[in-house]
Amino acid sequence: MWFVLRALIALLLVWQPASVMAKGPTFKTPNEIFVWFDTYQDDPKPARVSAAVHDMRRLGLFKDLDQAGLLIGFVAGVLGDNQSKAEKLVAKMFPMPPREQVVIIKAIAFSGNPYWPELLNKFAERMPARRDLIDKFISGEEKTLMERPLEEGPDVIDALWGFRSATGYHEPVLRIISALRWADEEDDLDKLTVASKAKWTLAAAAERDRDLLNLYRLHIEHQPKEIAEPLKEVADAAEAYEATRLRKDAIASVDDLKRKGPKKASWSWASQVGQTALSVGCVIATALGHPEIAAPCIVTGALATGVTKLLQLKDQK
């Protein structure tokens, strides 16, 4: 009897810490999350994504949902790459406060799962405060990731990099490349901002992932001139490890257009400057950092190497 009791006590001592650990945070710092993103393709563990979503919220990474494109894209990529497990993974993301439920909704809609509308409907009862957004996605009023116009903002670029980081797919990268057609934009500040971000993040990504450099070289000859020329510049910069130069050029070109204004008169110019102000501040006006640096704008501009490097906000004023 004493032997059995001792055995039970020993089991309890082993089990309790494990139980406590299971209930504790999976990721203790933003850095750990971004390092996981960065290395995900080396050892994919989709089962961790549900806990990661809770930790993202706990660590404040959803404070500004407009700046959470990378996070949403990554979660969407995991769901899309694990379609048979998607429902169980999503179920474990609850409970989630109504405000942050946007992350779950967008991740499902952006996942590329052919049955994503049905999946959204299955969880609609758990998100009654977000029924309107769910209906907008299902009706097509809100667009999926691969349908969203790139000129909507740099957060689309973020989400595409997040998706690529989770999956390794080329499609998100090719969409980012298509934004290079606005690299010489002289009238639309939003388009120039997106193209500038696309240009230097493509270069920075290929500095770390040389397969991407090969992809760029392969596609240069198949692209129209307005894309082929900046894509060649991206490839050359990546090969020479000069992505930082492209970042500086991006900041300069956006600042120059803001200062001079559009060549063609535009009634919407003032509103464009206002809409782009945050993007320029948190996306373009950054310096490449390291995963251990937590960016004030959370993850905007993070890269994948799947490219995931945090960007450190710098004061460009």
C-alpha atoms as a PDB file:
ATOM      1  CA  MET A   1       0.000   0.000   0.000  1.00  0.00           C
ATOM      2  CA  TRP A   2       2.803   2.389   0.900  1.00  0.00           C
ATOM      3  CA  PHE A   3       4.528   1.525  -2.377  1.00  0.00           C
ATOM      4  CA  VAL A   4       1.379   2.404  -4.359  1.00  0.00           C
ATOM      5  CA  LEU A   5       0.994   5.691  -2.478  1.00  0.00           C
ATOM      6  CA  ARG A   6       4.602   6.643  -3.150  1.00  0.00           C
ATOM      7  CA  ALA A   7       4.127   5.815  -6.817  1.00  0.00           C
ATOM      8  CA  LEU A   8       1.027   8.045  -7.000  1.00  0.00           C
ATOM      9  CA  ILE A   9       2.860  10.906  -5.294  1.00  0.00           C
ATOM     10  CA  ALA A  10       5.733  10.543  -7.746  1.00  0.00           C
ATOM     11  CA  LEU A  11       3.340  10.602 -10.702  1.00  0.00           C
ATOM     12  CA  LEU A  12       1.632  13.682  -9.282  1.00  0.00           C
ATOM     13  CA  LEU A  13       4.944  15.508  -8.962  1.00  0.00           C
ATOM     14  CA  VAL A  14       5.803  14.705 -12.583  1.00  0.00           C
ATOM     15  CA  TRP A  15       2.316  15.490 -13.926  1.00  0.00           C
ATOM     16  CA  GLN A  16       1.673  18.752 -12.109  1.00  0.00           C
ATOM     17  CA  PRO A  17       4.487  20.837 -13.609  1.00  0.00           C
ATOM     18  CA  ALA A  18       3.599  19.556 -17.055  1.00  0.00           C
ATOM     19  CA  SER A  19      -0.025  20.495 -16.444  1.00  0.00           C
ATOM     20  CA  VAL A  20       0.913  23.934 -15.226  1.00  0.00           C
ATOM     21  CA  MET A  21       3.210  24.373 -18.217  1.00  0.00           C
ATOM     22  CA  ALA A  22       0.411  23.359 -20.581  1.00  0.00           C
ATOM     23  CA  LYS A  23      -1.802  26.056 -19.120  1.00  0.00           C
ATOM     24  CA  GLY A  24       0.957  28.642 -19.194  1.00  0.00           C
ATOM     25  CA  PRO A  25       2.005  30.705 -22.189  1.00  0.00           C
ATOM     26  CA  THR A  26       3.528  28.914 -25.164  1.00  0.00           C
ATOM     27  CA  PHE A  27       5.352  32.060 -26.215  1.00  0.00           C
ATOM     28  CA  LYS A  28       6.513  34.399 -23.472  1.00  0.00           C
ATOM     29  CA  THR A  29       7.700  37.319 -25.597  1.00  0.00           C
ATOM     30  CA  PRO A  30       6.953  38.791 -29.047  1.00  0.00           C
ATOM     31  CA  ASN A  31      10.488  37.833 -29.989  1.00  0.00           C
ATOM     32  CA  GLU A  32       9.729  34.142 -29.484  1.00  0.00           C
ATOM     33  CA  ILE A  33       6.701  34.408 -31.768  1.00  0.00           C
ATOM     34  CA  PHE A  34       8.628  36.097 -34.556  1.00  0.00           C
ATOM     35  CA  VAL A  35      11.525  33.664 -34.299  1.00  0.00           C
ATOM     36  CA  TRP A  36       8.968  30.858 -34.616  1.00  0.00           C
ATOM     37  CA  PHE A  37       7.569  32.523 -37.743  1.00  0.00           C
ATOM     38  CA  ASP A  38      11.067  32.865 -39.142  1.00  0.00           C
ATOM     39  CA  THR A  39      11.952  29.203 -38.668  1.00  0.00           C
ATOM     40  CA  TYR A  40       8.507  27.660 -39.159  1.00  0.00           C
ATOM     41  CA  GLN A  41       9.303  26.019 -42.495  1.00  0.00           C
ATOM     42  CA  ASP A  42      12.272  24.220 -40.926  1.00  0.00           C
ATOM     43  CA  ASP A  43       9.986  22.376 -38.522  1.00  0.00           C
ATOM     44  CA  PRO A  44       6.258  23.029 -39.167  1.00  0.00           C
ATOM     45  CA  LYS A  45       4.118  22.517 -36.079  1.00  0.00           C
ATOM     46  CA  PRO A  46       0.601  23.683 -36.951  1.00  0.00           C
ATOM     47  CA  ALA A  47      -0.741  22.485 -33.603  1.00  0.00           C
ATOM     48  CA  ARG A  48       1.039  25.421 -31.935  1.00  0.00           C
ATOM     49  CA  VAL A  49      -0.813  28.082 -33.914  1.00  0.00           C
ATOM     50  CA  SER A  50      -3.898  28.127 -31.671  1.00  0.00           C
ATOM     51  CA  ALA A  51      -1.848  28.787 -28.544  1.00  0.00           C
ATOM     52  CA  ALA A  52       0.200  31.310 -30.518  1.00  0.00           C
ATOM     53  CA  VAL A  53      -2.948  33.291 -31.317  1.00  0.00           C
ATOM     54  CA  HIS A  54      -3.800  33.522 -27.617  1.00  0.00           C
ATOM     55  CA  ASP A  55      -0.250  34.579 -26.825  1.00  0.00           C
ATOM     56  CA  MET A  56      -0.306  37.220 -29.563  1.00  0.00           C
ATOM     57  CA  ARG A  57      -3.361  38.757 -27.938  1.00  0.00           C
ATOM     58  CA  ARG A  58      -1.900  38.491 -24.444  1.00  0.00           C
ATOM     59  CA  LEU A  59       1.338  40.133 -25.577  1.00  0.00           C
ATOM     60  CA  GLY A  60      -0.554  43.051 -27.136  1.00  0.00           C
ATOM     61  CA  LEU A  61       0.171  42.251 -30.770  1.00  0.00           C
ATOM     62  CA  PHE A  62      -3.481  42.802 -31.673  1.00  0.00           C
ATOM     63  CA  LYS A  63      -3.711  46.283 -30.152  1.00  0.00           C
ATOM     64  CA  ASP A  64      -3.735  47.822 -33.610  1.00  0.00           C
ATOM     65  CA  LEU A  65      -5.422  45.343 -35.927  1.00  0.00           C
ATOM     66  CA  ASP A  66      -4.543  47.509 -38.934  1.00  0.00           C
ATOM     67  CA  GLN A  67      -0.903  46.688 -38.187  1.00  0.00           C
ATOM     68  CA  ALA A  68      -1.456  42.948 -37.674  1.00  0.00           C
ATOM     69  CA  GLY A  69      -1.255  41.889 -41.320  1.00  0.00           C
ATOM     70  CA  LEU A  70       1.761  39.623 -40.860  1.00  0.00           C
ATOM     71  CA  LEU A  71       0.145  37.797 -37.937  1.00  0.00           C
ATOM     72  CA  ILE A  72      -3.149  37.293 -39.755  1.00  0.00           C
ATOM     73  CA  GLY A  73      -1.385  36.151 -42.907  1.00  0.00           C
ATOM     74  CA  PHE A  74       0.697  33.635 -40.986  1.00  0.00           C
ATOM     75  CA  VAL A  75      -2.300  32.132 -39.187  1.00  0.00           C
ATOM     76  CA  ALA A  76      -4.188  32.030 -42.486  1.00  0.00           C
ATOM     77  CA  GLY A  77      -1.284  30.211 -44.112  1.00  0.00           C
ATOM     78  CA  VAL A  78      -1.183  27.575 -41.386  1.00  0.00           C
ATOM     79  CA  LEU A  79      -4.944  27.007 -41.710  1.00  0.00           C
ATOM     80  CA  GLY A  80      -4.714  26.829 -45.493  1.00  0.00           C
ATOM     81  CA  ASP A  81      -1.801  24.432 -45.409  1.00  0.00           C
ATOM     82  CA  ASN A  82      -3.585  22.154 -42.917  1.00  0.00           C
ATOM     83  CA  GLN A  83      -7.129  22.116 -44.228  1.00  0.00           C
ATOM     84  CA  SER A  84      -8.128  18.830 -42.608  1.00  0.00           C
ATOM     85  CA  LYS A  85      -7.106  20.222 -39.208  1.00  0.00           C
ATOM     86  CA  ALA A  86      -8.368  23.767 -39.709  1.00  0.00           C
ATOM     87  CA  GLU A  87     -11.642  23.386 -37.795  1.00  0.00           C
ATOM     88  CA  LYS A  88      -9.934  21.945 -34.714  1.00  0.00           C
ATOM     89  CA  LEU A  89      -7.220  24.588 -34.822  1.00  0.00           C
ATOM     90  CA  VAL A  90      -9.777  27.396 -35.021  1.00  0.00           C
ATOM     91  CA  ALA A  91     -11.870  25.906 -32.206  1.00  0.00           C
ATOM     92  CA  LYS A  92      -8.860  26.131 -29.888  1.00  0.00           C
ATOM     93  CA  MET A  93      -8.472  29.852 -30.646  1.00  0.00           C
ATOM     94  CA  PHE A  94     -11.548  30.541 -28.532  1.00  0.00           C
ATOM     95  CA  PRO A  95     -12.428  32.179 -26.260  1.00  0.00           C
ATOM     96  CA  MET A  96     -11.427  35.399 -27.968  1.00  0.00           C
ATOM     97  CA  PRO A  97     -12.795  38.894 -27.207  1.00  0.00           C
ATOM     98  CA  PRO A  98     -15.076  40.320 -29.932  1.00  0.00           C
ATOM     99  CA  ARG A  99     -12.566  42.952 -30.990  1.00  0.00           C
ATOM    100  CA  GLU A 100      -9.786  40.425 -31.621  1.00  0.00           C
ATOM    101  CA  GLN A 101     -12.160  37.968 -33.311  1.00  0.00           C
ATOM    102  CA  VAL A 102     -11.360  39.900 -36.482  1.00  0.00           C
ATOM    103  CA  VAL A 103      -8.066  37.998 -36.546  1.00  0.00           C
ATOM    104  CA  ILE A 104      -9.839  34.634 -36.587  1.00  0.00           C
ATOM    105  CA  ILE A 105     -12.360  35.739 -39.202  1.00  0.00           C
ATOM    106  CA  LYS A 106      -9.728  37.123 -41.558  1.00  0.00           C
ATOM    107  CA  ALA A 107      -7.426  34.149 -41.039  1.00  0.00           C
ATOM    108  CA  ILE A 108     -10.214  31.770 -42.078  1.00  0.00           C
ATOM    109  CA  ALA A 109     -11.221  33.906 -45.060  1.00  0.00           C
ATOM    110  CA  PHE A 110      -7.593  34.409 -46.143  1.00  0.00           C
ATOM    111  CA  SER A 111      -6.649  30.742 -45.727  1.00  0.00           C
ATOM    112  CA  GLY A 112      -7.416  29.622 -49.259  1.00  0.00           C
ATOM    113  CA  ASN A 113      -9.417  26.701 -47.896  1.00  0.00           C
ATOM    114  CA  PRO A 114     -12.103  26.007 -50.560  1.00  0.00           C
ATOM    115  CA  TYR A 115     -14.633  25.542 -47.763  1.00  0.00           C
ATOM    116  CA  TRP A 116     -13.741  28.683 -45.804  1.00  0.00           C
ATOM    117  CA  PRO A 117     -17.313  30.143 -45.991  1.00  0.00           C
ATOM    118  CA  GLU A 118     -18.689  26.998 -44.375  1.00  0.00           C
ATOM    119  CA  LEU A 119     -15.960  27.160 -41.748  1.00  0.00           C
ATOM    120  CA  LEU A 120     -16.813  30.775 -40.967  1.00  0.00           C
ATOM    121  CA  ASN A 121     -20.490  29.882 -40.624  1.00  0.00           C
ATOM    122  CA  LYS A 122     -19.646  27.071 -38.206  1.00  0.00           C
ATOM    123  CA  PHE A 123     -18.039  29.532 -35.821  1.00  0.00           C
ATOM    124  CA  ALA A 124     -20.458  32.419 -36.389  1.00  0.00           C
ATOM    125  CA  GLU A 125     -22.467  31.523 -33.262  1.00  0.00           C
ATOM    126  CA  ARG A 126     -19.332  31.987 -31.171  1.00  0.00           C
ATOM    127  CA  MET A 127     -18.820  35.443 -32.679  1.00  0.00           C
ATOM    128  CA  PRO A 128     -22.282  37.069 -32.662  1.00  0.00           C
ATOM    129  CA  ALA A 129     -20.808  40.564 -32.341  1.00  0.00           C
ATOM    130  CA  ARG A 130     -18.927  39.972 -35.595  1.00  0.00           C
ATOM    131  CA  ARG A 131     -21.800  38.588 -37.655  1.00  0.00           C
ATOM    132  CA  ASP A 132     -21.771  41.621 -39.944  1.00  0.00           C
ATOM    133  CA  LEU A 133     -18.100  41.142 -40.865  1.00  0.00           C
ATOM    134  CA  ILE A 134     -18.630  37.422 -41.392  1.00  0.00           C
ATOM    135  CA  ASP A 135     -21.538  38.137 -43.753  1.00  0.00           C
ATOM    136  CA  LYS A 136     -19.446  40.669 -45.679  1.00  0.00           C
ATOM    137  CA  PHE A 137     -16.754  38.078 -46.338  1.00  0.00           C
ATOM    138  CA  ILE A 138     -19.225  35.374 -47.315  1.00  0.00           C
ATOM    139  CA  SER A 139     -21.104  37.736 -49.650  1.00  0.00           C
ATOM    140  CA  GLY A 140     -17.887  38.889 -51.277  1.00  0.00           C
ATOM    141  CA  GLU A 141     -18.160  42.478 -50.090  1.00  0.00           C
ATOM    142  CA  GLU A 142     -14.943  41.909 -48.134  1.00  0.00           C
ATOM    143  CA  LYS A 143     -12.210  40.368 -50.273  1.00  0.00           C
ATOM    144  CA  THR A 144      -9.956  37.424 -49.496  1.00  0.00           C
ATOM    145  CA  LEU A 145      -6.193  37.889 -49.301  1.00  0.00           C
ATOM    146  CA  MET A 146      -5.499  36.930 -52.901  1.00  0.00           C
ATOM    147  CA  GLU A 147      -8.355  39.166 -54.073  1.00  0.00           C
ATOM    148  CA  ARG A 148      -7.552  42.294 -52.074  1.00  0.00           C
ATOM    149  CA  PRO A 149      -6.143  45.135 -54.172  1.00  0.00           C
ATOM    150  CA  LEU A 150      -2.527  45.707 -53.244  1.00  0.00           C
ATOM    151  CA  GLU A 151      -3.046  49.452 -53.271  1.00  0.00           C
ATOM    152  CA  GLU A 152      -5.358  49.129 -50.257  1.00  0.00           C
ATOM    153  CA  GLY A 153      -2.284  49.471 -48.103  1.00  0.00           C
ATOM    154  CA  PRO A 154       1.036  47.998 -46.989  1.00  0.00           C
ATOM    155  CA  ASP A 155      -0.793  45.650 -44.596  1.00  0.00           C
ATOM    156  CA  VAL A 156      -1.696  43.553 -47.657  1.00  0.00           C
ATOM    157  CA  ILE A 157       2.021  43.100 -48.330  1.00  0.00           C
ATOM    158  CA  ASP A 158       2.493  42.128 -44.664  1.00  0.00           C
ATOM    159  CA  ALA A 159      -0.248  39.506 -44.855  1.00  0.00           C
ATOM    160  CA  LEU A 160       1.192  38.041 -48.047  1.00  0.00           C
ATOM    161  CA  TRP A 161       4.629  37.703 -46.424  1.00  0.00           C
ATOM    162  CA  GLY A 162       3.003  36.090 -43.380  1.00  0.00           C
ATOM    163  CA  PHE A 163       1.191  33.601 -45.604  1.00  0.00           C
ATOM    164  CA  ARG A 164       4.403  32.819 -47.432  1.00  0.00           C
ATOM    165  CA  SER A 165       6.274  32.341 -44.170  1.00  0.00           C
ATOM    166  CA  ALA A 166       3.732  29.729 -43.049  1.00  0.00           C
ATOM    167  CA  THR A 167       3.511  27.871 -46.350  1.00  0.00           C
ATOM    168  CA  GLY A 168       6.570  28.502 -48.487  1.00  0.00           C
ATOM    169  CA  TYR A 169       4.235  29.060 -51.456  1.00  0.00           C
ATOM    170  CA  HIS A 170       5.324  31.259 -54.364  1.00  0.00           C
ATOM    171  CA  GLU A 171       1.880  32.750 -55.080  1.00  0.00           C
ATOM    172  CA  PRO A 172       2.065  35.418 -52.327  1.00  0.00           C
ATOM    173  CA  VAL A 173       5.528  36.455 -53.526  1.00  0.00           C
ATOM    174  CA  LEU A 174       4.329  36.779 -57.122  1.00  0.00           C
ATOM    175  CA  ARG A 175       1.513  39.042 -55.942  1.00  0.00           C
ATOM    176  CA  ILE A 176       4.025  41.210 -54.105  1.00  0.00           C
ATOM    177  CA  ILE A 177       6.154  41.358 -57.258  1.00  0.00           C
ATOM    178  CA  SER A 178       3.135  42.653 -59.188  1.00  0.00           C
ATOM    179  CA  ALA A 179       3.140  45.772 -56.962  1.00  0.00           C
ATOM    180  CA  LEU A 180       6.444  46.817 -58.535  1.00  0.00           C
ATOM    181  CA  ARG A 181       4.501  48.258 -61.486  1.00  0.00           C
ATOM    182  CA  TRP A 182       3.984  51.341 -59.300  1.00  0.00           C
ATOM    183  CA  ALA A 183       7.669  51.752 -58.459  1.00  0.00           C
ATOM    184  CA  ASP A 184       7.857  54.993 -60.483  1.00  0.00           C
ATOM    185  CA  GLU A 185       4.402  56.272 -59.483  1.00  0.00           C
ATOM    186  CA  GLU A 186       4.279  60.078 -59.510  1.00  0.00           C
ATOM    187  CA  ASP A 187       0.666  60.778 -58.572  1.00  0.00           C
ATOM    188  CA  ASP A 188      -0.693  58.167 -56.166  1.00  0.00           C
ATOM    189  CA  LEU A 189       1.049  58.161 -52.799  1.00  0.00           C
ATOM    190  CA  ASP A 190      -0.623  54.954 -51.616  1.00  0.00           C
ATOM    191  CA  LYS A 191       0.544  53.025 -54.681  1.00  0.00           C
ATOM    192  CA  LEU A 192       4.085  54.367 -54.375  1.00  0.00           C
ATOM    193  CA  THR A 193       4.160  53.424 -50.681  1.00  0.00           C
ATOM    194  CA  VAL A 194       3.069  49.862 -51.439  1.00  0.00           C
ATOM    195  CA  ALA A 195       5.489  49.509 -54.359  1.00  0.00           C
ATOM    196  CA  SER A 196       8.361  50.908 -52.308  1.00  0.00           C
ATOM    197  CA  LYS A 197       7.674  48.492 -49.494  1.00  0.00           C
ATOM    198  CA  ALA A 198       7.350  45.594 -51.939  1.00  0.00           C
ATOM    199  CA  LYS A 199      10.660  46.489 -53.547  1.00  0.00           C
ATOM    200  CA  TRP A 200      12.853  46.490 -50.494  1.00  0.00           C
ATOM    201  CA  THR A 201      11.127  43.651 -48.648  1.00  0.00           C
ATOM    202  CA  LEU A 202      11.548  41.462 -51.731  1.00  0.00           C
ATOM    203  CA  ALA A 203      15.259  42.252 -51.696  1.00  0.00           C
ATOM    204  CA  ALA A 204      15.622  41.705 -47.956  1.00  0.00           C
ATOM    205  CA  ALA A 205      13.767  38.398 -48.225  1.00  0.00           C
ATOM    206  CA  ALA A 206      16.041  37.137 -50.992  1.00  0.00           C
ATOM    207  CA  GLU A 207      19.130  38.070 -49.000  1.00  0.00           C
ATOM    208  CA  ARG A 208      18.150  35.335 -46.571  1.00  0.00           C
ATOM    209  CA  ASP A 209      16.417  32.940 -48.947  1.00  0.00           C
ATOM    210  CA  ARG A 210      18.400  32.494 -52.146  1.00  0.00           C
ATOM    211  CA  ASP A 211      15.630  30.383 -53.673  1.00  0.00           C
ATOM    212  CA  LEU A 212      13.652  33.602 -53.854  1.00  0.00           C
ATOM    213  CA  LEU A 213      16.479  35.233 -55.775  1.00  0.00           C
ATOM    214  CA  ASN A 214      16.276  32.399 -58.319  1.00  0.00           C
ATOM    215  CA  LEU A 215      12.525  32.946 -58.534  1.00  0.00           C
ATOM    216  CA  TYR A 216      13.026  36.642 -59.288  1.00  0.00           C
ATOM    217  CA  ARG A 217      15.585  35.910 -61.997  1.00  0.00           C
ATOM    218  CA  LEU A 218      13.252  33.366 -63.553  1.00  0.00           C
ATOM    219  CA  HIS A 219      10.362  35.816 -63.738  1.00  0.00           C
ATOM    220  CA  ILE A 220      12.201  38.924 -64.939  1.00  0.00           C
ATOM    221  CA  GLU A 221      12.032  37.952 -68.615  1.00  0.00           C
ATOM    222  CA  HIS A 222       8.319  37.103 -68.362  1.00  0.00           C
ATOM    223  CA  GLN A 223       7.211  40.393 -66.824  1.00  0.00           C
ATOM    224  CA  PRO A 224       6.189  43.619 -68.565  1.00  0.00           C
ATOM    225  CA  LYS A 225       8.822  46.347 -68.592  1.00  0.00           C
ATOM    226  CA  GLU A 226       7.319  48.316 -65.693  1.00  0.00           C
ATOM    227  CA  ILE A 227       7.735  45.247 -63.451  1.00  0.00           C
ATOM    228  CA  ALA A 228      10.805  43.646 -65.027  1.00  0.00           C
ATOM    229  CA  GLU A 229      13.054  46.682 -64.497  1.00  0.00           C
ATOM    230  CA  PRO A 230      12.421  47.156 -60.756  1.00  0.00           C
ATOM    231  CA  LEU A 231      12.450  43.372 -60.267  1.00  0.00           C
ATOM    232  CA  LYS A 232      15.922  43.215 -61.836  1.00  0.00           C
ATOM    233  CA  GLU A 233      16.999  45.991 -59.467  1.00  0.00           C
ATOM    234  CA  VAL A 234      15.597  43.956 -56.566  1.00  0.00           C
ATOM    235  CA  ALA A 235      17.450  40.829 -57.702  1.00  0.00           C
ATOM    236  CA  ASP A 236      20.720  42.702 -58.185  1.00  0.00           C
ATOM    237  CA  ALA A 237      20.406  44.343 -54.749  1.00  0.00           C
ATOM    238  CA  ALA A 238      19.611  41.026 -53.078  1.00  0.00           C
ATOM    239  CA  GLU A 239      22.554  39.327 -54.755  1.00  0.00           C
ATOM    240  CA  ALA A 240      24.850  42.095 -53.513  1.00  0.00           C
ATOM    241  CA  TYR A 241      23.190  42.205 -50.068  1.00  0.00           C
ATOM    242  CA  GLU A 242      22.112  45.814 -50.603  1.00  0.00           C
ATOM    243  CA  ALA A 243      18.486  45.681 -49.438  1.00  0.00           C
ATOM    244  CA  THR A 244      19.245  48.480 -46.983  1.00  0.00           C
ATOM    245  CA  ARG A 245      20.001  50.772 -49.925  1.00  0.00           C
ATOM    246  CA  LEU A 246      16.581  50.007 -51.397  1.00  0.00           C
ATOM    247  CA  ARG A 247      15.014  50.800 -48.030  1.00  0.00           C
ATOM    248  CA  LYS A 248      16.660  54.203 -48.027  1.00  0.00           C
ATOM    249  CA  ASP A 249      15.585  54.788 -51.623  1.00  0.00           C
ATOM    250  CA  ALA A 250      12.022  53.813 -50.647  1.00  0.00           C
ATOM    251  CA  ILE A 251      11.927  56.342 -47.831  1.00  0.00           C
ATOM    252  CA  ALA A 252      13.370  59.031 -50.089  1.00  0.00           C
ATOM    253  CA  SER A 253      10.920  58.422 -52.939  1.00  0.00           C
ATOM    254  CA  VAL A 254       7.885  58.504 -50.651  1.00  0.00           C
ATOM    255  CA  ASP A 255       9.132  61.621 -48.875  1.00  0.00           C
ATOM    256  CA  ASP A 256       9.849  63.270 -52.228  1.00  0.00           C
ATOM    257  CA  LEU A 257       6.337  62.659 -53.525  1.00  0.00           C
ATOM    258  CA  LYS A 258       4.844  63.893 -50.264  1.00  0.00           C
ATOM    259  CA  ARG A 259       6.886  67.072 -50.537  1.00  0.00           C
ATOM    260  CA  LYS A 260       6.310  67.831 -54.227  1.00  0.00           C
ATOM    261  CA  GLY A 261       2.770  66.553 -54.548  1.00  0.00           C
ATOM    262  CA  PRO A 262       1.381  64.781 -57.630  1.00  0.00           C
ATOM    263  CA  LYS A 263       2.340  65.884 -61.130  1.00  0.00           C
ATOM    264  CA  LYS A 264      -1.292  65.667 -62.129  1.00  0.00           C
ATOM    265  CA  ALA A 265      -3.785  67.690 -60.124  1.00  0.00           C
ATOM    266  CA  SER A 266      -5.801  65.443 -57.828  1.00  0.00           C
ATOM    267  CA  TRP A 267      -8.663  66.429 -55.573  1.00  0.00           C
ATOM    268  CA  SER A 268      -7.926  63.406 -53.360  1.00  0.00           C
ATOM    269  CA  TRP A 269      -4.278  64.251 -52.706  1.00  0.00           C
ATOM    270  CA  ALA A 270      -4.840  65.682 -49.240  1.00  0.00           C
ATOM    271  CA  SER A 271      -6.780  62.596 -48.159  1.00  0.00           C
ATOM    272  CA  GLN A 272      -4.098  60.323 -49.638  1.00  0.00           C
ATOM    273  CA  VAL A 273      -1.414  61.970 -47.553  1.00  0.00           C
ATOM    274  CA  GLY A 274      -3.521  61.462 -44.452  1.00  0.00           C
ATOM    275  CA  GLN A 275      -4.264  57.846 -45.250  1.00  0.00           C
ATOM    276  CA  THR A 276      -0.649  57.067 -46.005  1.00  0.00           C
ATOM    277  CA  ALA A 277       0.864  58.873 -43.029  1.00  0.00           C
ATOM    278  CA  LEU A 278       0.730  55.843 -40.730  1.00  0.00           C
ATOM    279  CA  SER A 279       1.981  53.555 -43.485  1.00  0.00           C
ATOM    280  CA  VAL A 280       4.963  55.768 -44.153  1.00  0.00           C
ATOM    281  CA  GLY A 281       5.709  56.108 -40.448  1.00  0.00           C
ATOM    282  CA  CYS A 282       5.409  52.453 -39.508  1.00  0.00           C
ATOM    283  CA  VAL A 283       6.286  50.743 -42.754  1.00  0.00           C
ATOM    284  CA  ILE A 284       8.663  52.693 -44.903  1.00  0.00           C
ATOM    285  CA  ALA A 285      10.470  54.730 -42.242  1.00  0.00           C
ATOM    286  CA  THR A 286      12.094  51.686 -40.657  1.00  0.00           C
ATOM    287  CA  ALA A 287      15.471  50.071 -40.412  1.00  0.00           C
ATOM    288  CA  LEU A 288      16.026  46.359 -40.790  1.00  0.00           C
ATOM    289  CA  GLY A 289      16.496  44.862 -37.354  1.00  0.00           C
ATOM    290  CA  HIS A 290      16.595  41.455 -35.767  1.00  0.00           C
ATOM    291  CA  PRO A 291      13.899  39.125 -34.426  1.00  0.00           C
ATOM    292  CA  GLU A 292      14.791  40.090 -30.880  1.00  0.00           C
ATOM    293  CA  ILE A 293      13.811  43.728 -31.472  1.00  0.00           C
ATOM    294  CA  ALA A 294      10.183  44.517 -30.675  1.00  0.00           C
ATOM    295  CA  ALA A 295       8.893  47.159 -33.102  1.00  0.00           C
ATOM    296  CA  PRO A 296       6.660  49.961 -31.830  1.00  0.00           C
ATOM    297  CA  CYS A 297       4.317  49.384 -34.798  1.00  0.00           C
ATOM    298  CA  ILE A 298       4.213  45.689 -33.850  1.00  0.00           C
ATOM    299  CA  VAL A 299       4.833  43.755 -37.042  1.00  0.00           C
ATOM    300  CA  THR A 300       4.264  46.047 -39.981  1.00  0.00           C
ATOM    301  CA  GLY A 301       7.016  45.452 -42.473  1.00  0.00           C
ATOM    302  CA  ALA A 302       8.146  42.184 -40.919  1.00  0.00           C
ATOM    303  CA  LEU A 303       9.876  39.928 -43.377  1.00  0.00           C
ATOM    304  CA  ALA A 304       9.733  36.245 -44.111  1.00  0.00           C
ATOM    305  CA  THR A 305      12.201  33.577 -45.248  1.00  0.00           C
ATOM    306  CA  GLY A 306       9.841  32.460 -45.232  1.00  0.00           C
ATOM    307  CA  VAL A 307      10.898  36.053 -44.210  1.00  0.00           C
ATOM    308  CA  THR A 308      10.218  37.207 -40.758  1.00  0.00           C
ATOM    309  CA  LYS A 309      12.391  39.893 -39.288  1.00  0.00           C
ATOM    310  CA  LEU A 310      11.082  42.542 -37.048  1.00  0.00           C
ATOM    311  CA  LEU A 311      11.579  46.089 -38.097  1.00  0.00           C
ATOM    312  CA  GLN A 312      12.631  48.713 -35.659  1.00  0.00           C
ATOM    313  CA  LEU A 313      10.868  52.028 -36.019  1.00  0.00           C
ATOM    314  CA  LYS A 314      13.243  54.934 -36.506  1.00  0.00           C
ATOM    315  CA  ASP A 315      12.470  58.602 -36.251  1.00  0.00           C
ATOM    316  CA  GLN A 316      12.854  59.919 -39.762  1.00  0.00           C
ATOM    317  CA  LYS A 317      11.903  63.459 -38.932  1.00  0.00           C
END
